[in-house]
């Protein structure tokens, strides 16, 4: 391809849901409500953990990190999505598009690691209760959180550096409501095979390895739970882990639907709706799941509401 005679892309046109006016109206009505619930719910989790002495434990510390990740996803995607849907399309500068994708990918990669660490915390609390307090302390939690955010930052920076080295000189129209990886690569007139292999390799440390570790931790947890003689003891163990398992299932289920299923089997509208699931619905559900199914958080809410 003769790149010299092509026009270099300086801005991106996002179509949103322009071809689906009924769906466009529905999303435009519900999305602000979802945004308010998501931001309020995650800020509430962070505030409760910070201000309640009974929630000063590693599990709730990592829950606040999960809320920060969800807030990062929501604020990166939803406000601009509202603008695009309201105007039946919108434009972004090319650097802004790259930055949007970077912050989304960074938060998603960090969430993979966070969910794995939360599973490890439950494994230690249930399978090694006598050593839990001495091994899982506040300083370790802070170090792990820093490592998680830096690791997600670094891994996605590798991808971004590879993307900006590509030539973008074809169409500048993306049939989506945000700048995602596949639509960006489709705009490139360079050979993207190398970067696609690179991304596939990077999926191992920041997607499959955390998921595998979660499965391993819960295998041990189930073994310990089944060895408990009383029904009340077993139910207590499963109740402790149920919220985390629900969040893991929703998070990885939506990622699988977007990035691992063959593109030929998905229509564009299905792809967009699935993207709404993990960029809008999942960040909203996480604080709801933890607050509705967690006794400590419900008690903290009751105490504050009585003040």
Protein backbone atom coordinates (compact mmCIF):
# COMPACT_ATOMS: atom_id res chain seq x y z
CA UNK A 1 0.00 0.00 0.00
CA UNK A 2 1.25 3.47 -0.89
CA UNK A 3 1.06 5.25 2.43
CA UNK A 4 2.45 8.54 1.14
CA UNK A 5 -0.67 9.31 -0.90
CA UNK A 6 -3.03 8.57 1.98
CA UNK A 7 -4.54 11.12 4.34
CA UNK A 8 -3.22 10.68 7.87
CA UNK A 9 -6.01 10.33 10.45
CA UNK A 10 -6.21 13.21 12.94
CA UNK A 11 -9.70 12.56 14.33
CA UNK A 12 -12.02 9.61 14.84
CA UNK A 13 -15.75 9.55 14.05
CA UNK A 14 -17.74 7.32 16.41
CA UNK A 15 -21.19 6.30 15.15
CA UNK A 16 -22.61 5.02 18.43
CA UNK A 17 -26.06 3.45 17.88
CA UNK A 18 -27.02 5.68 14.96
CA UNK A 19 -28.56 2.83 12.93
CA UNK A 20 -30.81 1.74 15.80
CA UNK A 21 -32.97 4.76 16.77
CA UNK A 22 -35.24 2.86 19.20
CA UNK A 23 -32.24 1.34 21.00
CA UNK A 24 -30.55 4.74 20.88
CA UNK A 25 -33.48 6.34 22.75
CA UNK A 26 -33.63 3.55 25.33
CA UNK A 27 -29.91 3.73 26.09
CA UNK A 28 -30.01 7.53 26.24
CA UNK A 29 -32.77 7.30 28.85
CA UNK A 30 -31.18 4.64 31.09
CA UNK A 31 -27.48 5.46 30.74
CA UNK A 32 -27.53 8.62 32.94
CA UNK A 33 -29.34 6.65 35.64
CA UNK A 34 -26.77 3.85 35.42
CA UNK A 35 -23.98 6.43 35.58
CA UNK A 36 -25.41 7.98 38.77
CA UNK A 37 -25.91 4.57 40.42
CA UNK A 38 -22.43 3.38 39.44
CA UNK A 39 -20.57 6.47 40.65
CA UNK A 40 -22.65 6.73 43.84
CA UNK A 41 -22.34 3.02 44.65
CA UNK A 42 -18.58 2.83 44.19
CA UNK A 43 -17.93 6.07 46.06
CA UNK A 44 -20.15 4.75 48.86
CA UNK A 45 -18.02 1.56 49.10
CA UNK A 46 -14.80 3.59 49.26
CA UNK A 47 -16.24 5.96 51.87
CA UNK A 48 -17.69 3.18 54.03
CA UNK A 49 -14.43 1.23 54.12
CA UNK A 50 -12.40 4.36 54.87
CA UNK A 51 -14.70 5.56 57.67
CA UNK A 52 -15.80 2.31 59.36
CA UNK A 53 -13.42 0.56 61.76
CA UNK A 54 -15.12 -2.84 61.31
CA UNK A 55 -14.30 -2.75 57.60
CA UNK A 56 -10.57 -2.21 58.10
CA UNK A 57 -9.50 -5.59 56.72
CA UNK A 58 -7.63 -6.76 53.59
CA UNK A 59 -10.82 -7.97 51.89
CA UNK A 60 -12.43 -4.54 52.08
CA UNK A 61 -9.21 -2.75 51.19
CA UNK A 62 -9.10 -4.65 47.90
CA UNK A 63 -12.81 -3.99 47.45
CA UNK A 64 -12.04 -0.25 47.46
CA UNK A 65 -9.40 -0.86 44.78
CA UNK A 66 -12.04 -2.68 42.73
CA UNK A 67 -14.34 0.33 43.15
CA UNK A 68 -11.57 2.65 41.94
CA UNK A 69 -11.13 0.43 38.88
CA UNK A 70 -14.88 0.52 38.19
CA UNK A 71 -14.95 4.30 38.55
CA UNK A 72 -12.07 4.58 36.09
CA UNK A 73 -13.95 2.47 33.51
CA UNK A 74 -17.19 4.38 33.97
CA UNK A 75 -15.74 7.90 33.82
CA UNK A 76 -13.60 6.97 30.83
CA UNK A 77 -16.46 5.61 28.72
CA UNK A 78 -19.94 6.73 29.82
CA UNK A 79 -19.81 10.57 29.63
CA UNK A 80 -18.45 10.53 26.08
CA UNK A 81 -20.90 7.76 25.16
CA UNK A 82 -23.80 9.94 26.29
CA UNK A 83 -22.52 12.75 24.07
CA UNK A 84 -22.16 10.44 21.08
CA UNK A 85 -25.60 8.87 21.48
CA UNK A 86 -27.33 12.22 22.04
CA UNK A 87 -25.76 13.67 18.88
CA UNK A 88 -26.20 10.42 16.90
CA UNK A 89 -22.45 10.26 16.43
CA UNK A 90 -19.45 12.28 17.49
CA UNK A 91 -15.80 12.97 16.87
CA UNK A 92 -12.67 12.55 18.98
CA UNK A 93 -9.13 13.56 18.22
CA UNK A 94 -6.95 10.57 17.45
CA UNK A 95 -4.77 11.08 20.59
CA UNK A 96 -7.95 11.27 22.72
CA UNK A 97 -9.15 8.03 21.20
CA UNK A 98 -5.86 6.32 22.06
CA UNK A 99 -5.96 7.72 25.60
CA UNK A 100 -9.53 6.51 26.10
CA UNK A 101 -8.61 3.00 25.04
CA UNK A 102 -5.51 3.09 27.26
CA UNK A 103 -7.39 4.01 30.44
CA UNK A 104 -10.07 1.41 29.71
CA UNK A 105 -7.49 -1.32 29.07
CA UNK A 106 -5.47 -0.28 32.14
CA UNK A 107 -8.47 -0.50 34.45
CA UNK A 108 -9.60 -3.85 32.99
CA UNK A 109 -6.12 -5.38 33.31
CA UNK A 110 -5.83 -4.11 36.89
CA UNK A 111 -9.26 -5.57 37.70
CA UNK A 112 -8.11 -9.01 36.51
CA UNK A 113 -5.24 -8.87 39.01
CA UNK A 114 -7.46 -7.45 41.76
CA UNK A 115 -9.99 -10.26 41.44
CA UNK A 116 -7.14 -12.76 41.66
CA UNK A 117 -5.71 -11.14 44.81
CA UNK A 118 -9.19 -11.06 46.37
CA UNK A 119 -9.48 -14.80 45.71
CA UNK A 120 -6.08 -15.30 47.36
CA UNK A 121 -7.25 -13.30 50.37
CA UNK A 122 -10.31 -15.56 50.75
CA UNK A 123 -8.11 -18.64 50.29
CA UNK A 124 -5.77 -17.54 53.09
CA UNK A 125 -8.65 -16.58 55.42
CA UNK A 126 -10.43 -19.91 54.96
CA UNK A 127 -7.61 -22.39 54.37
CA UNK A 128 -4.93 -20.82 56.62
CA UNK A 129 -6.88 -18.89 59.30
CA UNK A 130 -4.16 -19.18 61.95
CA UNK A 131 -1.53 -17.58 59.72
CA UNK A 132 -3.86 -15.11 58.00
CA UNK A 133 -3.34 -12.12 60.28
CA UNK A 134 0.44 -12.46 60.30
CA UNK A 135 0.77 -12.94 56.53
CA UNK A 136 -1.92 -10.63 55.13
CA UNK A 137 -1.19 -7.30 56.82
CA UNK A 138 -1.83 -3.69 55.85
CA UNK A 139 1.65 -3.08 54.44
CA UNK A 140 1.42 -6.18 52.21
CA UNK A 141 -2.00 -5.04 50.93
CA UNK A 142 -0.63 -1.60 50.01
CA UNK A 143 2.37 -3.14 48.23
CA UNK A 144 0.13 -5.56 46.32
CA UNK A 145 -2.19 -2.72 45.26
CA UNK A 146 0.75 -0.66 43.99
CA UNK A 147 2.13 -3.66 42.09
CA UNK A 148 -1.29 -4.39 40.56
CA UNK A 149 -1.79 -0.84 39.26
CA UNK A 150 1.80 -0.56 38.00
CA UNK A 151 1.60 -3.96 36.31
CA UNK A 152 -1.64 -3.06 34.54
CA UNK A 153 -0.17 0.31 33.57
CA UNK A 154 3.02 -1.26 32.17
CA UNK A 155 1.38 -4.10 30.25
CA UNK A 156 -1.08 -1.80 28.51
CA UNK A 157 1.65 0.75 27.80
CA UNK A 158 3.37 -1.92 25.70
CA UNK A 159 0.19 -2.28 23.64
CA UNK A 160 -0.25 1.48 23.27
CA UNK A 161 3.35 1.98 22.09
CA UNK A 162 2.79 -0.71 19.44
CA UNK A 163 -0.50 0.88 18.33
CA UNK A 164 0.88 4.40 17.89
CA UNK A 165 3.68 3.02 15.70
CA UNK A 166 1.09 1.82 13.18
CA UNK A 167 0.08 3.90 10.18
CA UNK A 168 -3.54 5.10 10.32
CA UNK A 169 -4.39 6.44 6.90
CA UNK A 170 -7.63 4.82 5.81
CA UNK A 171 -11.19 5.47 7.00
CA UNK A 172 -11.56 7.34 10.29
CA UNK A 173 -15.04 5.99 11.08
CA UNK A 174 -15.55 3.56 13.97
CA UNK A 175 -18.96 1.89 14.20
CA UNK A 176 -18.89 1.82 18.00
CA UNK A 177 -19.53 4.11 20.98
CA UNK A 178 -15.92 4.14 22.26
CA UNK A 179 -12.40 3.47 21.01
CA UNK A 180 -11.81 -0.23 21.44
CA UNK A 181 -8.88 -2.35 20.26
CA UNK A 182 -10.37 -4.19 17.28
CA UNK A 183 -11.99 -1.10 15.66
CA UNK A 184 -8.69 0.79 16.06
CA UNK A 185 -6.68 -1.97 14.39
CA UNK A 186 -9.21 -2.12 11.55
CA UNK A 187 -8.43 1.54 10.73
CA UNK A 188 -4.73 0.83 10.28
CA UNK A 189 -3.21 0.46 6.86
CA UNK A 190 -0.16 -1.27 8.37
CA UNK A 191 0.29 -4.98 8.92
CA UNK A 192 -1.28 -5.65 12.33
CA UNK A 193 -0.34 -9.34 12.57
CA UNK A 194 2.63 -8.66 14.85
CA UNK A 195 0.65 -6.54 17.31
CA UNK A 196 -2.19 -9.08 17.34
CA UNK A 197 0.30 -11.81 18.30
CA UNK A 198 1.79 -9.46 20.91
CA UNK A 199 -1.65 -8.83 22.43
CA UNK A 200 -2.39 -12.56 22.43
CA UNK A 201 0.85 -13.20 24.33
CA UNK A 202 0.07 -10.41 26.82
CA UNK A 203 -3.37 -11.95 27.46
CA UNK A 204 -1.62 -14.79 29.29
CA UNK A 205 -0.19 -12.72 32.20
CA UNK A 206 -3.07 -10.25 32.60
CA UNK A 207 -6.12 -12.40 31.78
CA UNK A 208 -5.60 -16.16 31.78
CA UNK A 209 -3.10 -16.37 34.64
CA UNK A 210 -5.30 -14.41 37.10
CA UNK A 211 -8.33 -16.48 36.05
CA UNK A 212 -6.40 -19.73 36.50
CA UNK A 213 -5.21 -18.63 39.94
CA UNK A 214 -8.81 -17.81 40.94
CA UNK A 215 -9.92 -21.30 39.88
CA UNK A 216 -7.06 -22.93 41.83
CA UNK A 217 -7.77 -20.92 44.99
CA UNK A 218 -11.45 -21.83 44.90
CA UNK A 219 -10.70 -25.51 44.35
CA UNK A 220 -8.83 -25.44 47.66
CA UNK A 221 -11.60 -23.42 49.31
CA UNK A 222 -14.26 -25.91 48.17
CA UNK A 223 -12.16 -28.81 49.49
CA UNK A 224 -11.90 -27.15 52.89
CA UNK A 225 -15.63 -26.29 52.88
CA UNK A 226 -16.64 -29.86 52.07
CA UNK A 227 -14.46 -31.14 54.89
CA UNK A 228 -16.43 -29.06 57.45
CA UNK A 229 -18.81 -31.34 59.31
CA UNK A 230 -21.58 -28.84 60.03
CA UNK A 231 -23.97 -27.46 57.43
CA UNK A 232 -23.80 -24.04 59.07
CA UNK A 233 -20.00 -23.98 58.74
CA UNK A 234 -20.11 -24.90 55.05
CA UNK A 235 -22.79 -22.34 54.28
CA UNK A 236 -20.76 -19.65 56.06
CA UNK A 237 -17.73 -20.40 53.87
CA UNK A 238 -19.73 -20.31 50.65
CA UNK A 239 -21.56 -17.16 51.75
CA UNK A 240 -18.21 -15.44 52.34
CA UNK A 241 -17.07 -16.20 48.78
CA UNK A 242 -20.35 -15.92 46.86
CA UNK A 243 -20.17 -12.17 46.15
CA UNK A 244 -16.65 -12.45 44.77
CA UNK A 245 -17.59 -15.45 42.61
CA UNK A 246 -20.57 -13.58 41.14
CA UNK A 247 -18.38 -10.57 40.29
CA UNK A 248 -15.72 -12.83 38.71
CA UNK A 249 -18.37 -14.64 36.63
CA UNK A 250 -19.90 -11.40 35.32
CA UNK A 251 -16.52 -9.80 34.61
CA UNK A 252 -14.88 -12.71 32.80
CA UNK A 253 -18.13 -13.71 31.12
CA UNK A 254 -18.48 -10.28 29.50
CA UNK A 255 -14.79 -10.18 28.50
CA UNK A 256 -15.13 -13.62 26.90
CA UNK A 257 -18.15 -12.48 24.93
CA UNK A 258 -16.30 -9.44 23.59
CA UNK A 259 -12.73 -10.54 22.97
CA UNK A 260 -12.66 -14.34 22.73
CA UNK A 261 -15.66 -15.27 20.61
CA UNK A 262 -15.00 -15.19 16.84
CA UNK A 263 -15.96 -11.83 15.31
CA UNK A 264 -17.81 -13.58 12.46
CA UNK A 265 -20.32 -14.99 14.96
CA UNK A 266 -21.21 -11.58 16.39
CA UNK A 267 -23.21 -8.81 14.74
CA UNK A 268 -22.15 -5.24 15.39
CA UNK A 269 -25.22 -4.50 17.52
CA UNK A 270 -24.55 -7.61 19.65
CA UNK A 271 -20.94 -6.50 20.03
CA UNK A 272 -22.02 -3.03 21.17
CA UNK A 273 -24.54 -4.37 23.67
CA UNK A 274 -21.95 -6.79 25.07
CA UNK A 275 -19.55 -3.86 25.38
CA UNK A 276 -22.19 -2.00 27.41
CA UNK A 277 -22.26 -5.00 29.73
CA UNK A 278 -18.65 -4.72 30.86
CA UNK A 279 -18.19 -0.95 30.56
CA UNK A 280 -21.47 0.14 32.16
CA UNK A 281 -23.40 -2.70 33.79
CA UNK A 282 -20.54 -4.55 35.52
CA UNK A 283 -19.14 -1.44 37.30
CA UNK A 284 -22.69 -0.71 38.50
CA UNK A 285 -23.38 -4.26 39.71
CA UNK A 286 -20.14 -4.73 41.68
CA UNK A 287 -21.01 -2.39 44.61
CA UNK A 288 -24.63 -3.61 44.58
CA UNK A 289 -23.58 -7.26 44.81
CA UNK A 290 -21.14 -6.60 47.64
CA UNK A 291 -23.48 -4.32 49.58
CA UNK A 292 -26.59 -6.52 49.28
CA UNK A 293 -24.82 -9.81 50.02
CA UNK A 294 -22.32 -8.60 52.62
CA UNK A 295 -23.41 -8.47 56.25
CA UNK A 296 -20.60 -6.16 57.39
CA UNK A 297 -21.36 -3.55 54.73
CA UNK A 298 -25.11 -3.71 55.44
CA UNK A 299 -24.44 -3.20 59.16
CA UNK A 300 -22.11 -0.27 58.42
CA UNK A 301 -24.84 1.30 56.26
CA UNK A 302 -27.39 0.86 59.05
CA UNK A 303 -25.11 2.50 61.61
CA UNK A 304 -24.45 5.49 59.36
CA UNK A 305 -28.12 5.87 58.44
CA UNK A 306 -29.00 5.99 62.15
CA UNK A 307 -26.62 8.86 62.85
